[in-house]
Amino acid sequence: MKSFSLSFIFVVCLILFSICPVFSNFLVTPEQNLRLELVGSARDQIRFCKQKPLQVFGRNQIAPSVTCQFLPEVEVGLDHFFMEELTETEETQWAFYDSSGKQLFPTVSWEGQEPLNFISVVRSKRGQFGVQLQRKKDGAYFFYRTKIQNWMI
């Protein structure tokens, strides 16, 4: 009986790892334009700000240096905010805030993906980008590697 249990567990593990290769793949956003939708805030009151790096995942306050850029009146790509040369020596996180400093959570979705809240964009010290997204229905966080030029707001 014991050998049956161990072999059954082994077979189940093999099947799970072959179906769901969780350790070999990163989540990656699709190769398409992804539109962030902001509801209830005037564009001229929205700022894109560097955050205090308190948490890897989650909602952080604006950094004390108050590195913010106002959102233009016309739709722009998120790459618009990262035109300068990479001078940071550490990872940075950026998010949207209203004029009072309250963090805003635009939504995004793509084919086959339910709506997600955009929490922040992360720029690595090597200049690579990722986005932190949160599923609306259960609050689960996800980190996607992405190309910043695919994002519009």
C-alpha atoms as a PDB file:
ATOM      1  CA  MET A   1       0.000   0.000   0.000  1.00  0.00           C
ATOM      2  CA  LYS A   2       2.810   2.419   0.866  1.00  0.00           C
ATOM      3  CA  SER A   3       4.585   1.874  -2.472  1.00  0.00           C
ATOM      4  CA  PHE A   4       1.290   2.524  -4.297  1.00  0.00           C
ATOM      5  CA  SER A   5       0.869   5.838  -2.448  1.00  0.00           C
ATOM      6  CA  LEU A   6       4.400   6.989  -3.249  1.00  0.00           C
ATOM      7  CA  SER A   7       4.193   5.997  -6.909  1.00  0.00           C
ATOM      8  CA  PHE A   8       0.770   7.664  -7.217  1.00  0.00           C
ATOM      9  CA  ILE A   9       2.146  10.909  -5.740  1.00  0.00           C
ATOM     10  CA  PHE A  10       5.137  10.710  -8.093  1.00  0.00           C
ATOM     11  CA  VAL A  11       2.907  10.272 -11.158  1.00  0.00           C
ATOM     12  CA  VAL A  12       0.621  13.137 -10.079  1.00  0.00           C
ATOM     13  CA  CYS A  13       3.656  15.418  -9.608  1.00  0.00           C
ATOM     14  CA  LEU A  14       5.015  14.513 -13.042  1.00  0.00           C
ATOM     15  CA  ILE A  15       1.668  15.297 -14.644  1.00  0.00           C
ATOM     16  CA  LEU A  16       1.330  18.621 -12.804  1.00  0.00           C
ATOM     17  CA  PHE A  17       4.839  19.774 -13.709  1.00  0.00           C
ATOM     18  CA  SER A  18       4.404  18.819 -17.347  1.00  0.00           C
ATOM     19  CA  ILE A  19       1.041  20.614 -17.625  1.00  0.00           C
ATOM     20  CA  CYS A  20       1.955  23.666 -15.524  1.00  0.00           C
ATOM     21  CA  PRO A  21       5.644  24.488 -15.938  1.00  0.00           C
ATOM     22  CA  VAL A  22       5.512  27.145 -13.211  1.00  0.00           C
ATOM     23  CA  PHE A  23       9.205  27.133 -12.552  1.00  0.00           C
ATOM     24  CA  SER A  24      10.259  27.571 -16.161  1.00  0.00           C
ATOM     25  CA  ASN A  25       8.040  30.423 -17.360  1.00  0.00           C
ATOM     26  CA  PHE A  26       7.549  34.028 -16.334  1.00  0.00           C
ATOM     27  CA  LEU A  27       4.272  35.797 -16.887  1.00  0.00           C
ATOM     28  CA  VAL A  28       4.687  38.033 -19.921  1.00  0.00           C
ATOM     29  CA  THR A  29       2.191  40.536 -21.299  1.00  0.00           C
ATOM     30  CA  PRO A  30       0.997  39.955 -24.859  1.00  0.00           C
ATOM     31  CA  GLU A  31       2.662  41.674 -27.830  1.00  0.00           C
ATOM     32  CA  GLN A  32      -0.094  44.232 -28.406  1.00  0.00           C
ATOM     33  CA  ASN A  33      -1.095  47.717 -27.286  1.00  0.00           C
ATOM     34  CA  LEU A  34      -2.453  47.584 -23.753  1.00  0.00           C
ATOM     35  CA  ARG A  35      -4.682  50.495 -22.727  1.00  0.00           C
ATOM     36  CA  LEU A  36      -4.917  51.632 -19.146  1.00  0.00           C
ATOM     37  CA  GLU A  37      -8.380  52.974 -18.346  1.00  0.00           C
ATOM     38  CA  LEU A  38      -8.687  55.641 -15.651  1.00  0.00           C
ATOM     39  CA  VAL A  39     -12.178  56.386 -14.407  1.00  0.00           C
ATOM     40  CA  GLY A  40     -13.229  59.406 -12.406  1.00  0.00           C
ATOM     41  CA  SER A  41     -10.087  61.537 -12.551  1.00  0.00           C
ATOM     42  CA  ALA A  42      -9.303  64.493 -14.800  1.00  0.00           C
ATOM     43  CA  ARG A  43      -6.133  63.819 -16.813  1.00  0.00           C
ATOM     44  CA  ASP A  44      -4.628  67.176 -15.844  1.00  0.00           C
ATOM     45  CA  GLN A  45      -4.798  66.142 -12.163  1.00  0.00           C
ATOM     46  CA  ILE A  46      -3.035  62.780 -12.603  1.00  0.00           C
ATOM     47  CA  ARG A  47       0.655  62.370 -11.871  1.00  0.00           C
ATOM     48  CA  PHE A  48       3.007  59.471 -12.604  1.00  0.00           C
ATOM     49  CA  CYS A  49       5.345  59.275  -9.602  1.00  0.00           C
ATOM     50  CA  LYS A  50       8.303  57.346  -8.308  1.00  0.00           C
ATOM     51  CA  GLN A  51       7.337  55.349  -5.225  1.00  0.00           C
ATOM     52  CA  LYS A  52       9.092  54.690  -1.936  1.00  0.00           C
ATOM     53  CA  PRO A  53      10.469  51.165  -2.347  1.00  0.00           C
ATOM     54  CA  LEU A  54       8.887  49.745   0.823  1.00  0.00           C
ATOM     55  CA  GLN A  55       7.324  46.615  -0.609  1.00  0.00           C
ATOM     56  CA  VAL A  56       8.059  44.474  -3.616  1.00  0.00           C
ATOM     57  CA  PHE A  57       4.359  43.926  -4.192  1.00  0.00           C
ATOM     58  CA  GLY A  58       1.714  46.346  -3.167  1.00  0.00           C
ATOM     59  CA  ARG A  59       0.857  49.935  -2.807  1.00  0.00           C
ATOM     60  CA  ASN A  60       3.581  52.335  -1.792  1.00  0.00           C
ATOM     61  CA  GLN A  61       3.679  56.050  -1.064  1.00  0.00           C
ATOM     62  CA  ILE A  62       5.267  58.645  -3.306  1.00  0.00           C
ATOM     63  CA  ALA A  63       9.051  58.868  -2.836  1.00  0.00           C
ATOM     64  CA  PRO A  64      10.234  61.795  -0.687  1.00  0.00           C
ATOM     65  CA  SER A  65      12.039  63.324  -3.656  1.00  0.00           C
ATOM     66  CA  VAL A  66       8.589  63.729  -5.243  1.00  0.00           C
ATOM     67  CA  THR A  67       9.718  62.643  -8.681  1.00  0.00           C
ATOM     68  CA  CYS A  68       6.429  63.111 -10.558  1.00  0.00           C
ATOM     69  CA  GLN A  69       5.332  63.922 -14.070  1.00  0.00           C
ATOM     70  CA  PHE A  70       1.863  65.134 -14.998  1.00  0.00           C
ATOM     71  CA  LEU A  71      -0.147  63.081 -17.447  1.00  0.00           C
ATOM     72  CA  PRO A  72      -0.465  64.869 -20.816  1.00  0.00           C
ATOM     73  CA  GLU A  73      -3.954  65.701 -22.112  1.00  0.00           C
ATOM     74  CA  VAL A  74      -3.530  63.315 -25.056  1.00  0.00           C
ATOM     75  CA  GLU A  75      -3.032  59.562 -24.932  1.00  0.00           C
ATOM     76  CA  VAL A  76       0.644  58.618 -24.523  1.00  0.00           C
ATOM     77  CA  GLY A  77       2.664  55.473 -24.131  1.00  0.00           C
ATOM     78  CA  LEU A  78       4.228  54.754 -20.753  1.00  0.00           C
ATOM     79  CA  ASP A  79       7.606  54.884 -22.492  1.00  0.00           C
ATOM     80  CA  HIS A  80       6.962  58.674 -22.667  1.00  0.00           C
ATOM     81  CA  PHE A  81       7.877  58.793 -18.958  1.00  0.00           C
ATOM     82  CA  PHE A  82      11.150  56.893 -19.355  1.00  0.00           C
ATOM     83  CA  MET A  83      12.962  58.867 -22.052  1.00  0.00           C
ATOM     84  CA  GLU A  84      15.943  59.809 -19.904  1.00  0.00           C
ATOM     85  CA  GLU A  85      19.066  57.687 -19.672  1.00  0.00           C
ATOM     86  CA  LEU A  86      19.117  55.055 -16.966  1.00  0.00           C
ATOM     87  CA  THR A  87      21.098  56.546 -14.088  1.00  0.00           C
ATOM     88  CA  GLU A  88      19.501  54.700 -11.177  1.00  0.00           C
ATOM     89  CA  THR A  89      21.626  52.031  -9.547  1.00  0.00           C
ATOM     90  CA  GLU A  90      18.662  50.228  -8.066  1.00  0.00           C
ATOM     91  CA  GLU A  91      15.185  49.115  -9.050  1.00  0.00           C
ATOM     92  CA  THR A  92      12.501  51.819  -9.116  1.00  0.00           C
ATOM     93  CA  GLN A  93       8.710  51.622  -8.967  1.00  0.00           C
ATOM     94  CA  TRP A  94       6.293  54.110 -10.505  1.00  0.00           C
ATOM     95  CA  ALA A  95       2.526  54.526 -10.149  1.00  0.00           C
ATOM     96  CA  PHE A  96      -0.338  56.941 -10.815  1.00  0.00           C
ATOM     97  CA  TYR A  97      -1.555  59.410  -8.172  1.00  0.00           C
ATOM     98  CA  ASP A  98      -4.196  62.121  -8.002  1.00  0.00           C
ATOM     99  CA  SER A  99      -3.475  65.709  -6.936  1.00  0.00           C
ATOM    100  CA  SER A 100      -3.990  64.844  -3.243  1.00  0.00           C
ATOM    101  CA  GLY A 101      -1.377  62.040  -3.342  1.00  0.00           C
ATOM    102  CA  LYS A 102      -3.878  59.173  -3.378  1.00  0.00           C
ATOM    103  CA  GLN A 103      -2.748  56.279  -5.552  1.00  0.00           C
ATOM    104  CA  LEU A 104      -4.953  55.540  -8.585  1.00  0.00           C
ATOM    105  CA  PHE A 105      -5.477  52.076 -10.059  1.00  0.00           C
ATOM    106  CA  PRO A 106      -6.265  52.109 -13.770  1.00  0.00           C
ATOM    107  CA  THR A 107      -7.670  48.909 -15.238  1.00  0.00           C
ATOM    108  CA  VAL A 108      -6.359  46.831 -18.122  1.00  0.00           C
ATOM    109  CA  SER A 109      -7.495  43.671 -19.838  1.00  0.00           C
ATOM    110  CA  TRP A 110      -6.631  41.744 -22.956  1.00  0.00           C
ATOM    111  CA  GLU A 111      -8.102  38.804 -24.809  1.00  0.00           C
ATOM    112  CA  GLY A 112      -8.454  35.839 -22.485  1.00  0.00           C
ATOM    113  CA  GLN A 113      -7.633  37.917 -19.394  1.00  0.00           C
ATOM    114  CA  GLU A 114     -10.169  39.273 -16.956  1.00  0.00           C
ATOM    115  CA  PRO A 115      -9.785  42.941 -15.910  1.00  0.00           C
ATOM    116  CA  LEU A 116      -6.801  43.716 -13.702  1.00  0.00           C
ATOM    117  CA  ASN A 117      -5.889  46.763 -11.632  1.00  0.00           C
ATOM    118  CA  PHE A 118      -2.571  48.342 -12.575  1.00  0.00           C
ATOM    119  CA  ILE A 119      -0.597  48.812  -9.343  1.00  0.00           C
ATOM    120  CA  SER A 120       2.802  49.966 -10.590  1.00  0.00           C
ATOM    121  CA  VAL A 121       5.489  49.634 -13.198  1.00  0.00           C
ATOM    122  CA  VAL A 122       8.905  48.441 -12.075  1.00  0.00           C
ATOM    123  CA  ARG A 123      12.109  49.453 -13.850  1.00  0.00           C
ATOM    124  CA  SER A 124      15.055  47.211 -13.082  1.00  0.00           C
ATOM    125  CA  LYS A 125      18.564  48.560 -12.668  1.00  0.00           C
ATOM    126  CA  ARG A 126      19.283  47.041 -16.106  1.00  0.00           C
ATOM    127  CA  GLY A 127      16.409  48.973 -17.700  1.00  0.00           C
ATOM    128  CA  GLN A 128      13.963  46.075 -18.032  1.00  0.00           C
ATOM    129  CA  PHE A 129      10.290  46.613 -17.202  1.00  0.00           C
ATOM    130  CA  GLY A 130       7.638  44.712 -15.345  1.00  0.00           C
ATOM    131  CA  VAL A 131       4.143  45.608 -14.199  1.00  0.00           C
ATOM    132  CA  GLN A 132       2.426  44.730 -10.968  1.00  0.00           C
ATOM    133  CA  LEU A 133      -1.216  43.908 -11.595  1.00  0.00           C
ATOM    134  CA  GLN A 134      -3.959  42.852  -9.204  1.00  0.00           C
ATOM    135  CA  ARG A 135      -6.937  40.711 -10.147  1.00  0.00           C
ATOM    136  CA  LYS A 136     -10.134  42.563  -9.282  1.00  0.00           C
ATOM    137  CA  LYS A 137     -12.263  39.629  -8.124  1.00  0.00           C
ATOM    138  CA  ASP A 138      -9.944  38.160  -5.482  1.00  0.00           C
ATOM    139  CA  GLY A 139      -7.111  40.664  -5.008  1.00  0.00           C
ATOM    140  CA  ALA A 140      -4.357  38.287  -6.180  1.00  0.00           C
ATOM    141  CA  TYR A 141      -1.136  40.041  -7.288  1.00  0.00           C
ATOM    142  CA  PHE A 142       0.746  39.199 -10.477  1.00  0.00           C
ATOM    143  CA  PHE A 143       4.048  40.402 -11.866  1.00  0.00           C
ATOM    144  CA  TYR A 144       4.371  40.478 -15.650  1.00  0.00           C
ATOM    145  CA  ARG A 145       7.510  41.136 -17.641  1.00  0.00           C
ATOM    146  CA  THR A 146       6.605  43.602 -20.343  1.00  0.00           C
ATOM    147  CA  LYS A 147       7.724  45.969 -23.053  1.00  0.00           C
ATOM    148  CA  ILE A 148       7.009  49.488 -21.846  1.00  0.00           C
ATOM    149  CA  GLN A 149       6.234  50.723 -25.376  1.00  0.00           C
ATOM    150  CA  ASN A 150       3.144  48.441 -25.471  1.00  0.00           C
ATOM    151  CA  TRP A 151       1.366  50.395 -22.697  1.00  0.00           C
ATOM    152  CA  MET A 152      -0.904  53.388 -23.399  1.00  0.00           C
ATOM    153  CA  ILE A 153      -2.746  55.727 -21.061  1.00  0.00           C
END
